[in-house]
């Protein structure tokens, strides 16, 4: 009886050691904590940010709140339940001054793999509309 128990425990320990040693090191998670700053009024920046995020392939706008400056988008191309942390991106638009605003990913969403792509899309749309209107470009500020 004890020999079977010892043998079973030894087998579990061996499988545990083999399993743990076969794990790969986790890849470095990107961290997109930069804040896009624009010389634009709040409503204009919120509208253009919403427009930019609404046109990103594979993402759909889930929630907006202009008073809070919140835009939530959901990924429609996820693989399984283990990708749950990649399903949602939350953006905040803040007024810094009368004609100065910022756009950033919320801290919970800053480690999304596509966070840089989403921020670049917002910046591209803002630059395109600024070029049409002959206005200043955005500043990238890391927080």
N, C-alpha and C. Protein backbone atom coordinates (compact mmCIF):
# COMPACT_ATOMS: atom_id res chain seq x y z
N UNK A 1 0.82 -1.19 0.00
CA UNK A 1 0.00 0.00 0.00
C UNK A 1 0.87 1.26 0.00
N UNK A 2 1.83 1.30 0.94
CA UNK A 2 2.71 2.47 1.01
C UNK A 2 3.60 2.56 -0.21
N UNK A 3 3.99 1.43 -0.77
CA UNK A 3 4.83 1.45 -1.96
C UNK A 3 4.07 2.06 -3.13
N UNK A 4 2.79 1.76 -3.27
CA UNK A 4 1.97 2.33 -4.35
C UNK A 4 1.81 3.84 -4.14
N UNK A 5 1.62 4.24 -2.90
CA UNK A 5 1.49 5.66 -2.59
C UNK A 5 2.79 6.41 -2.89
N UNK A 6 3.91 5.83 -2.51
CA UNK A 6 5.21 6.44 -2.78
C UNK A 6 5.47 6.49 -4.28
N UNK A 7 5.13 5.43 -4.99
CA UNK A 7 5.30 5.39 -6.44
C UNK A 7 4.43 6.44 -7.13
N UNK A 8 3.18 6.55 -6.71
CA UNK A 8 2.27 7.55 -7.29
C UNK A 8 2.77 8.96 -7.01
N UNK A 9 3.25 9.21 -5.81
CA UNK A 9 3.80 10.52 -5.46
C UNK A 9 5.04 10.82 -6.29
N UNK A 10 5.90 9.85 -6.47
CA UNK A 10 7.11 10.03 -7.26
C UNK A 10 6.77 10.34 -8.71
N UNK A 11 5.78 9.64 -9.25
CA UNK A 11 5.36 9.89 -10.64
C UNK A 11 4.81 11.31 -10.77
N UNK A 12 3.99 11.74 -9.83
CA UNK A 12 3.45 13.10 -9.86
C UNK A 12 4.56 14.15 -9.76
N UNK A 13 5.54 13.90 -8.92
CA UNK A 13 6.66 14.84 -8.78
C UNK A 13 7.44 14.91 -10.09
N UNK A 14 7.70 13.77 -10.72
CA UNK A 14 8.43 13.75 -11.99
C UNK A 14 7.65 14.51 -13.05
N UNK A 15 6.34 14.24 -13.16
CA UNK A 15 5.53 14.96 -14.14
C UNK A 15 5.50 16.46 -13.85
N UNK A 16 5.44 16.81 -12.57
CA UNK A 16 5.45 18.22 -12.20
C UNK A 16 6.75 18.90 -12.59
N UNK A 17 7.87 18.24 -12.34
CA UNK A 17 9.17 18.82 -12.69
C UNK A 17 9.30 18.94 -14.20
N UNK A 18 8.90 17.91 -14.92
CA UNK A 18 8.97 17.95 -16.39
C UNK A 18 8.06 19.04 -16.93
N UNK A 19 6.86 19.13 -16.39
CA UNK A 19 5.91 20.14 -16.85
C UNK A 19 6.40 21.55 -16.58
N UNK A 20 6.94 21.78 -15.41
CA UNK A 20 7.42 23.12 -15.06
C UNK A 20 8.66 23.50 -15.86
N UNK A 21 9.51 22.54 -16.14
CA UNK A 21 10.72 22.86 -16.88
C UNK A 21 10.43 23.08 -18.35
N UNK A 22 9.30 22.59 -18.82
CA UNK A 22 8.99 22.76 -20.24
C UNK A 22 8.31 24.09 -20.53
N UNK A 23 7.94 24.81 -19.48
CA UNK A 23 7.30 26.11 -19.69
C UNK A 23 8.31 27.09 -20.26
N UNK A 24 7.86 27.83 -21.24
CA UNK A 24 8.72 28.86 -21.81
C UNK A 24 8.58 30.13 -20.99
N UNK A 25 9.61 30.93 -21.05
CA UNK A 25 9.51 32.22 -20.39
C UNK A 25 8.47 33.05 -21.12
N UNK A 26 7.71 33.82 -20.37
CA UNK A 26 6.69 34.68 -20.98
C UNK A 26 7.34 35.76 -21.82
N UNK A 27 6.68 36.09 -22.90
CA UNK A 27 7.23 37.14 -23.75
C UNK A 27 7.01 38.49 -23.10
N UNK A 28 7.83 39.44 -23.47
CA UNK A 28 7.70 40.78 -22.92
C UNK A 28 6.38 41.39 -23.39
N UNK A 29 5.62 41.85 -22.45
CA UNK A 29 4.33 42.46 -22.76
C UNK A 29 4.58 43.92 -23.09
N UNK A 30 4.05 44.40 -24.22
CA UNK A 30 4.23 45.82 -24.53
C UNK A 30 3.46 46.68 -23.53
N UNK A 31 3.91 47.89 -23.36
CA UNK A 31 3.23 48.80 -22.43
C UNK A 31 3.07 50.15 -23.13
N UNK A 32 1.85 50.46 -23.50
CA UNK A 32 1.56 51.69 -24.24
C UNK A 32 0.97 52.71 -23.28
N UNK A 33 1.84 53.42 -22.58
CA UNK A 33 1.38 54.41 -21.61
C UNK A 33 1.51 55.84 -22.14
N UNK A 34 1.77 55.98 -23.43
CA UNK A 34 1.90 57.33 -23.96
C UNK A 34 0.54 58.02 -24.05
N UNK A 35 0.62 59.32 -24.01
CA UNK A 35 -0.57 60.16 -24.04
C UNK A 35 -0.45 61.05 -25.28
N UNK A 36 -1.46 61.02 -26.13
CA UNK A 36 -1.46 61.87 -27.32
C UNK A 36 -2.07 63.21 -26.93
N UNK A 37 -1.36 64.30 -27.20
CA UNK A 37 -1.84 65.63 -26.83
C UNK A 37 -2.09 66.43 -28.10
N UNK A 38 -3.27 67.05 -28.16
CA UNK A 38 -3.68 67.80 -29.35
C UNK A 38 -4.10 69.21 -28.96
N UNK A 39 -3.82 70.13 -29.85
CA UNK A 39 -4.27 71.52 -29.70
C UNK A 39 -5.65 71.63 -30.35
N UNK A 40 -6.61 70.94 -29.77
CA UNK A 40 -7.98 70.89 -30.29
C UNK A 40 -8.96 70.95 -29.12
N UNK A 41 -10.17 71.43 -29.37
CA UNK A 41 -11.19 71.39 -28.32
C UNK A 41 -11.58 69.95 -27.97
N UNK A 42 -12.14 69.77 -26.82
CA UNK A 42 -12.49 68.44 -26.31
C UNK A 42 -13.46 67.71 -27.25
N UNK A 43 -14.55 68.36 -27.63
CA UNK A 43 -15.57 67.68 -28.45
C UNK A 43 -15.00 67.21 -29.78
N UNK A 44 -14.16 68.04 -30.38
CA UNK A 44 -13.55 67.68 -31.66
C UNK A 44 -12.64 66.45 -31.50
N UNK A 45 -11.82 66.45 -30.46
CA UNK A 45 -10.91 65.32 -30.22
C UNK A 45 -11.69 64.05 -29.91
N UNK A 46 -12.73 64.16 -29.10
CA UNK A 46 -13.55 62.98 -28.77
C UNK A 46 -14.19 62.42 -30.04
N UNK A 47 -14.74 63.28 -30.86
CA UNK A 47 -15.40 62.84 -32.09
C UNK A 47 -14.42 62.17 -33.05
N UNK A 48 -13.24 62.77 -33.25
CA UNK A 48 -12.24 62.20 -34.16
C UNK A 48 -11.66 60.89 -33.60
N UNK A 49 -11.50 60.80 -32.30
CA UNK A 49 -11.02 59.55 -31.68
C UNK A 49 -12.05 58.45 -31.89
N UNK A 50 -13.31 58.77 -31.68
CA UNK A 50 -14.38 57.80 -31.90
C UNK A 50 -14.43 57.37 -33.36
N UNK A 51 -14.27 58.33 -34.25
CA UNK A 51 -14.25 58.02 -35.69
C UNK A 51 -13.08 57.09 -36.04
N UNK A 52 -11.91 57.38 -35.49
CA UNK A 52 -10.73 56.56 -35.77
C UNK A 52 -10.91 55.14 -35.26
N UNK A 53 -11.41 54.99 -34.04
CA UNK A 53 -11.57 53.66 -33.46
C UNK A 53 -12.71 52.88 -34.10
N UNK A 54 -13.68 53.58 -34.63
CA UNK A 54 -14.81 52.93 -35.29
C UNK A 54 -14.42 52.32 -36.63
N UNK A 55 -13.30 52.75 -37.18
CA UNK A 55 -12.87 52.25 -38.50
C UNK A 55 -11.74 51.23 -38.42
N UNK A 56 -11.35 50.82 -37.21
CA UNK A 56 -10.29 49.82 -37.05
C UNK A 56 -10.87 48.44 -37.32
N UNK A 57 -10.24 47.70 -38.21
CA UNK A 57 -10.70 46.36 -38.55
C UNK A 57 -10.53 45.41 -37.37
N UNK A 58 -11.56 44.63 -37.10
CA UNK A 58 -11.49 43.64 -36.03
C UNK A 58 -11.90 44.18 -34.67
N UNK A 59 -12.27 45.44 -34.59
CA UNK A 59 -12.70 46.05 -33.33
C UNK A 59 -14.04 46.73 -33.56
N UNK A 60 -14.89 46.72 -32.55
CA UNK A 60 -16.18 47.40 -32.64
C UNK A 60 -16.38 48.26 -31.39
N UNK A 61 -16.99 49.41 -31.58
CA UNK A 61 -17.24 50.31 -30.45
C UNK A 61 -18.34 49.71 -29.59
N UNK A 62 -18.05 49.60 -28.30
CA UNK A 62 -19.00 48.98 -27.37
C UNK A 62 -19.69 50.01 -26.49
N UNK A 63 -18.95 51.02 -26.07
CA UNK A 63 -19.51 52.00 -25.13
C UNK A 63 -18.81 53.33 -25.32
N UNK A 64 -19.59 54.40 -25.22
CA UNK A 64 -19.02 55.75 -25.24
C UNK A 64 -19.71 56.58 -24.17
N UNK A 65 -18.96 57.48 -23.59
CA UNK A 65 -19.51 58.42 -22.62
C UNK A 65 -18.73 59.72 -22.77
N UNK A 66 -19.33 60.68 -23.47
CA UNK A 66 -18.64 61.93 -23.76
C UNK A 66 -18.39 62.74 -22.49
N UNK A 67 -19.26 62.65 -21.50
CA UNK A 67 -19.05 63.40 -20.25
C UNK A 67 -17.82 62.91 -19.50
N UNK A 68 -17.65 61.60 -19.46
CA UNK A 68 -16.50 61.02 -18.76
C UNK A 68 -15.27 60.92 -19.65
N UNK A 69 -15.45 61.10 -20.96
CA UNK A 69 -14.33 60.98 -21.89
C UNK A 69 -13.94 59.53 -22.13
N UNK A 70 -14.90 58.63 -22.06
CA UNK A 70 -14.63 57.20 -22.15
C UNK A 70 -15.08 56.63 -23.49
N UNK A 71 -14.19 55.86 -24.12
CA UNK A 71 -14.52 55.10 -25.32
C UNK A 71 -14.02 53.68 -25.09
N UNK A 72 -14.92 52.72 -25.19
CA UNK A 72 -14.58 51.31 -24.99
C UNK A 72 -14.81 50.59 -26.31
N UNK A 73 -13.79 49.85 -26.76
CA UNK A 73 -13.94 49.06 -27.98
C UNK A 73 -13.66 47.60 -27.66
N UNK A 74 -14.30 46.72 -28.41
CA UNK A 74 -14.18 45.27 -28.17
C UNK A 74 -13.58 44.61 -29.40
N UNK A 75 -12.65 43.71 -29.17
CA UNK A 75 -12.02 42.93 -30.23
C UNK A 75 -12.98 41.83 -30.67
N UNK A 76 -13.22 41.73 -31.96
CA UNK A 76 -14.12 40.70 -32.47
C UNK A 76 -13.36 39.51 -33.04
N UNK A 77 -12.03 39.55 -32.99
CA UNK A 77 -11.22 38.47 -33.56
C UNK A 77 -10.31 37.85 -32.51
N UNK A 78 -10.88 37.35 -31.45
CA UNK A 78 -10.08 36.71 -30.41
C UNK A 78 -10.15 35.20 -30.59
N UNK A 79 -9.21 34.51 -30.01
CA UNK A 79 -9.10 33.07 -30.22
C UNK A 79 -9.90 32.23 -29.25
N UNK A 80 -9.71 32.43 -27.96
CA UNK A 80 -10.38 31.58 -26.97
C UNK A 80 -10.47 32.32 -25.64
N UNK A 81 -10.90 31.62 -24.63
CA UNK A 81 -11.07 32.24 -23.31
C UNK A 81 -9.77 32.75 -22.72
N UNK A 82 -8.64 32.18 -23.14
CA UNK A 82 -7.36 32.62 -22.61
C UNK A 82 -6.94 33.97 -23.19
N UNK A 83 -7.64 34.45 -24.22
CA UNK A 83 -7.39 35.76 -24.80
C UNK A 83 -8.28 36.84 -24.18
N UNK A 84 -8.93 36.53 -23.08
CA UNK A 84 -9.92 37.43 -22.50
C UNK A 84 -9.35 38.82 -22.23
N UNK A 85 -8.07 38.91 -21.84
CA UNK A 85 -7.47 40.21 -21.57
C UNK A 85 -7.28 41.04 -22.83
N UNK A 86 -7.45 40.45 -23.99
CA UNK A 86 -7.27 41.16 -25.25
C UNK A 86 -8.61 41.56 -25.87
N UNK A 87 -9.70 41.30 -25.20
CA UNK A 87 -11.02 41.54 -25.77
C UNK A 87 -11.42 43.01 -25.77
N UNK A 88 -10.98 43.78 -24.78
CA UNK A 88 -11.49 45.14 -24.58
C UNK A 88 -10.34 46.14 -24.45
N UNK A 89 -10.51 47.30 -25.10
CA UNK A 89 -9.58 48.42 -24.94
C UNK A 89 -10.39 49.63 -24.49
N UNK A 90 -9.90 50.30 -23.46
CA UNK A 90 -10.60 51.47 -22.91
C UNK A 90 -9.71 52.71 -23.09
N UNK A 91 -10.28 53.74 -23.72
CA UNK A 91 -9.57 54.99 -23.97
C UNK A 91 -10.22 56.11 -23.17
N UNK A 92 -9.39 57.05 -22.73
CA UNK A 92 -9.92 58.25 -22.08
C UNK A 92 -9.48 59.47 -22.87
N UNK A 93 -10.41 60.38 -23.04
CA UNK A 93 -10.15 61.67 -23.67
C UNK A 93 -10.34 62.70 -22.57
N UNK A 94 -9.31 63.51 -22.34
CA UNK A 94 -9.37 64.50 -21.26
C UNK A 94 -9.11 65.89 -21.81
N UNK A 95 -9.75 66.86 -21.20
CA UNK A 95 -9.51 68.26 -21.53
C UNK A 95 -8.40 68.78 -20.62
N UNK A 96 -7.34 69.30 -21.23
CA UNK A 96 -6.22 69.85 -20.46
C UNK A 96 -6.33 71.36 -20.33
N UNK A 97 -6.91 71.98 -21.34
CA UNK A 97 -7.14 73.43 -21.35
C UNK A 97 -8.29 73.67 -22.33
N UNK A 98 -8.59 74.92 -22.58
CA UNK A 98 -9.73 75.22 -23.45
C UNK A 98 -9.57 74.59 -24.83
N UNK A 99 -8.40 74.69 -25.41
CA UNK A 99 -8.15 74.12 -26.73
C UNK A 99 -6.99 73.13 -26.68
N UNK A 100 -6.93 72.34 -25.64
CA UNK A 100 -5.86 71.34 -25.52
C UNK A 100 -6.45 70.09 -24.87
N UNK A 101 -6.30 68.95 -25.55
CA UNK A 101 -6.87 67.70 -25.05
C UNK A 101 -5.84 66.58 -25.16
N UNK A 102 -6.13 65.49 -24.45
CA UNK A 102 -5.26 64.32 -24.52
C UNK A 102 -6.09 63.07 -24.70
N UNK A 103 -5.47 62.07 -25.35
CA UNK A 103 -6.08 60.76 -25.55
C UNK A 103 -5.07 59.72 -25.06
N UNK A 104 -5.55 58.76 -24.27
CA UNK A 104 -4.65 57.71 -23.76
C UNK A 104 -5.44 56.45 -23.49
N UNK A 105 -4.73 55.34 -23.48
CA UNK A 105 -5.31 54.07 -23.04
C UNK A 105 -5.39 54.09 -21.52
N UNK A 106 -6.46 53.55 -20.96
CA UNK A 106 -6.55 53.42 -19.51
C UNK A 106 -5.51 52.41 -19.04
N UNK A 107 -5.05 52.50 -17.80
CA UNK A 107 -4.00 51.60 -17.30
C UNK A 107 -4.29 50.11 -17.51
N UNK A 108 -5.54 49.69 -17.37
CA UNK A 108 -5.87 48.27 -17.58
C UNK A 108 -5.68 47.82 -19.02
N UNK A 109 -5.72 48.76 -19.96
CA UNK A 109 -5.62 48.42 -21.38
C UNK A 109 -4.25 48.71 -21.97
N UNK A 110 -3.32 49.21 -21.18
CA UNK A 110 -2.03 49.61 -21.72
C UNK A 110 -1.13 48.46 -22.13
N UNK A 111 -1.47 47.25 -21.74
CA UNK A 111 -0.63 46.11 -22.12
C UNK A 111 -1.22 45.30 -23.27
N UNK A 112 -2.19 45.84 -23.97
CA UNK A 112 -2.74 45.17 -25.15
C UNK A 112 -1.69 45.11 -26.25
N UNK A 113 -1.62 43.98 -26.94
CA UNK A 113 -0.66 43.86 -28.04
C UNK A 113 -0.93 44.87 -29.14
N UNK A 114 -2.19 45.17 -29.40
CA UNK A 114 -2.55 46.10 -30.47
C UNK A 114 -2.72 47.53 -29.98
N UNK A 115 -2.32 47.81 -28.75
CA UNK A 115 -2.47 49.15 -28.21
C UNK A 115 -1.74 50.20 -29.02
N UNK A 116 -0.54 49.89 -29.47
CA UNK A 116 0.22 50.82 -30.29
C UNK A 116 -0.45 51.09 -31.62
N UNK A 117 -1.02 50.05 -32.22
CA UNK A 117 -1.72 50.20 -33.50
C UNK A 117 -2.95 51.08 -33.33
N UNK A 118 -3.68 50.89 -32.24
CA UNK A 118 -4.88 51.68 -31.99
C UNK A 118 -4.52 53.15 -31.75
N UNK A 119 -3.48 53.41 -30.96
CA UNK A 119 -3.05 54.79 -30.73
C UNK A 119 -2.55 55.43 -32.03
N UNK A 120 -1.85 54.67 -32.84
CA UNK A 120 -1.36 55.19 -34.12
C UNK A 120 -2.52 55.54 -35.04
N UNK A 121 -3.56 54.72 -35.02
CA UNK A 121 -4.74 54.98 -35.85
C UNK A 121 -5.40 56.29 -35.43
N UNK A 122 -5.52 56.51 -34.13
CA UNK A 122 -6.09 57.76 -33.64
C UNK A 122 -5.24 58.93 -34.10
N UNK A 123 -3.93 58.81 -33.94
CA UNK A 123 -3.02 59.89 -34.33
C UNK A 123 -3.07 60.15 -35.83
N UNK A 124 -3.16 59.09 -36.63
CA UNK A 124 -3.24 59.26 -38.09
C UNK A 124 -4.50 60.02 -38.49
N UNK A 125 -5.63 59.69 -37.88
CA UNK A 125 -6.88 60.39 -38.20
C UNK A 125 -6.79 61.85 -37.76
N UNK A 126 -6.24 62.09 -36.58
CA UNK A 126 -6.11 63.47 -36.10
C UNK A 126 -5.14 64.26 -36.99
N UNK A 127 -4.05 63.63 -37.43
CA UNK A 127 -3.11 64.31 -38.32
C UNK A 127 -3.74 64.61 -39.67
N UNK A 128 -4.50 63.66 -40.20
CA UNK A 128 -5.14 63.85 -41.50
C UNK A 128 -6.11 65.02 -41.46
N UNK A 129 -6.90 65.11 -40.41
CA UNK A 129 -7.85 66.22 -40.31
C UNK A 129 -7.12 67.53 -40.01
N UNK A 130 -6.01 67.46 -39.26
CA UNK A 130 -5.24 68.67 -38.98
C UNK A 130 -4.57 69.17 -40.26
N UNK A 131 -4.09 68.25 -41.10
CA UNK A 131 -3.48 68.65 -42.37
C UNK A 131 -4.50 69.31 -43.28
N UNK A 132 -5.72 68.82 -43.27
CA UNK A 132 -6.78 69.43 -44.07
C UNK A 132 -7.10 70.83 -43.58
N UNK A 133 -6.99 71.03 -42.28
CA UNK A 133 -7.31 72.33 -41.69
C UNK A 133 -6.07 73.18 -41.46
N UNK A 134 -4.87 72.64 -41.73
CA UNK A 134 -3.63 73.40 -41.56
C UNK A 134 -3.28 73.66 -40.11
N UNK A 135 -3.45 72.67 -39.24
CA UNK A 135 -3.22 72.86 -37.82
C UNK A 135 -1.98 72.12 -37.35
N UNK A 136 -1.63 72.29 -36.08
CA UNK A 136 -0.44 71.68 -35.48
C UNK A 136 -0.61 70.16 -35.33
N UNK A 137 0.54 69.46 -35.32
CA UNK A 137 0.56 68.01 -35.12
C UNK A 137 0.53 67.68 -33.63
N UNK A 138 0.28 66.42 -33.32
CA UNK A 138 0.20 65.96 -31.93
C UNK A 138 1.58 65.81 -31.33
N UNK A 139 1.61 65.81 -30.01
CA UNK A 139 2.83 65.55 -29.27
C UNK A 139 2.64 64.23 -28.54
N UNK A 140 3.66 63.36 -28.58
CA UNK A 140 3.62 62.12 -27.81
C UNK A 140 4.29 62.40 -26.47
N UNK A 141 3.60 62.07 -25.40
CA UNK A 141 4.14 62.27 -24.07
C UNK A 141 4.02 60.96 -23.32
N UNK A 142 5.12 60.44 -22.80
CA UNK A 142 5.06 59.22 -21.99
C UNK A 142 4.79 59.61 -20.55
N UNK A 143 3.87 58.87 -19.93
CA UNK A 143 3.54 59.19 -18.54
C UNK A 143 4.32 58.36 -17.58
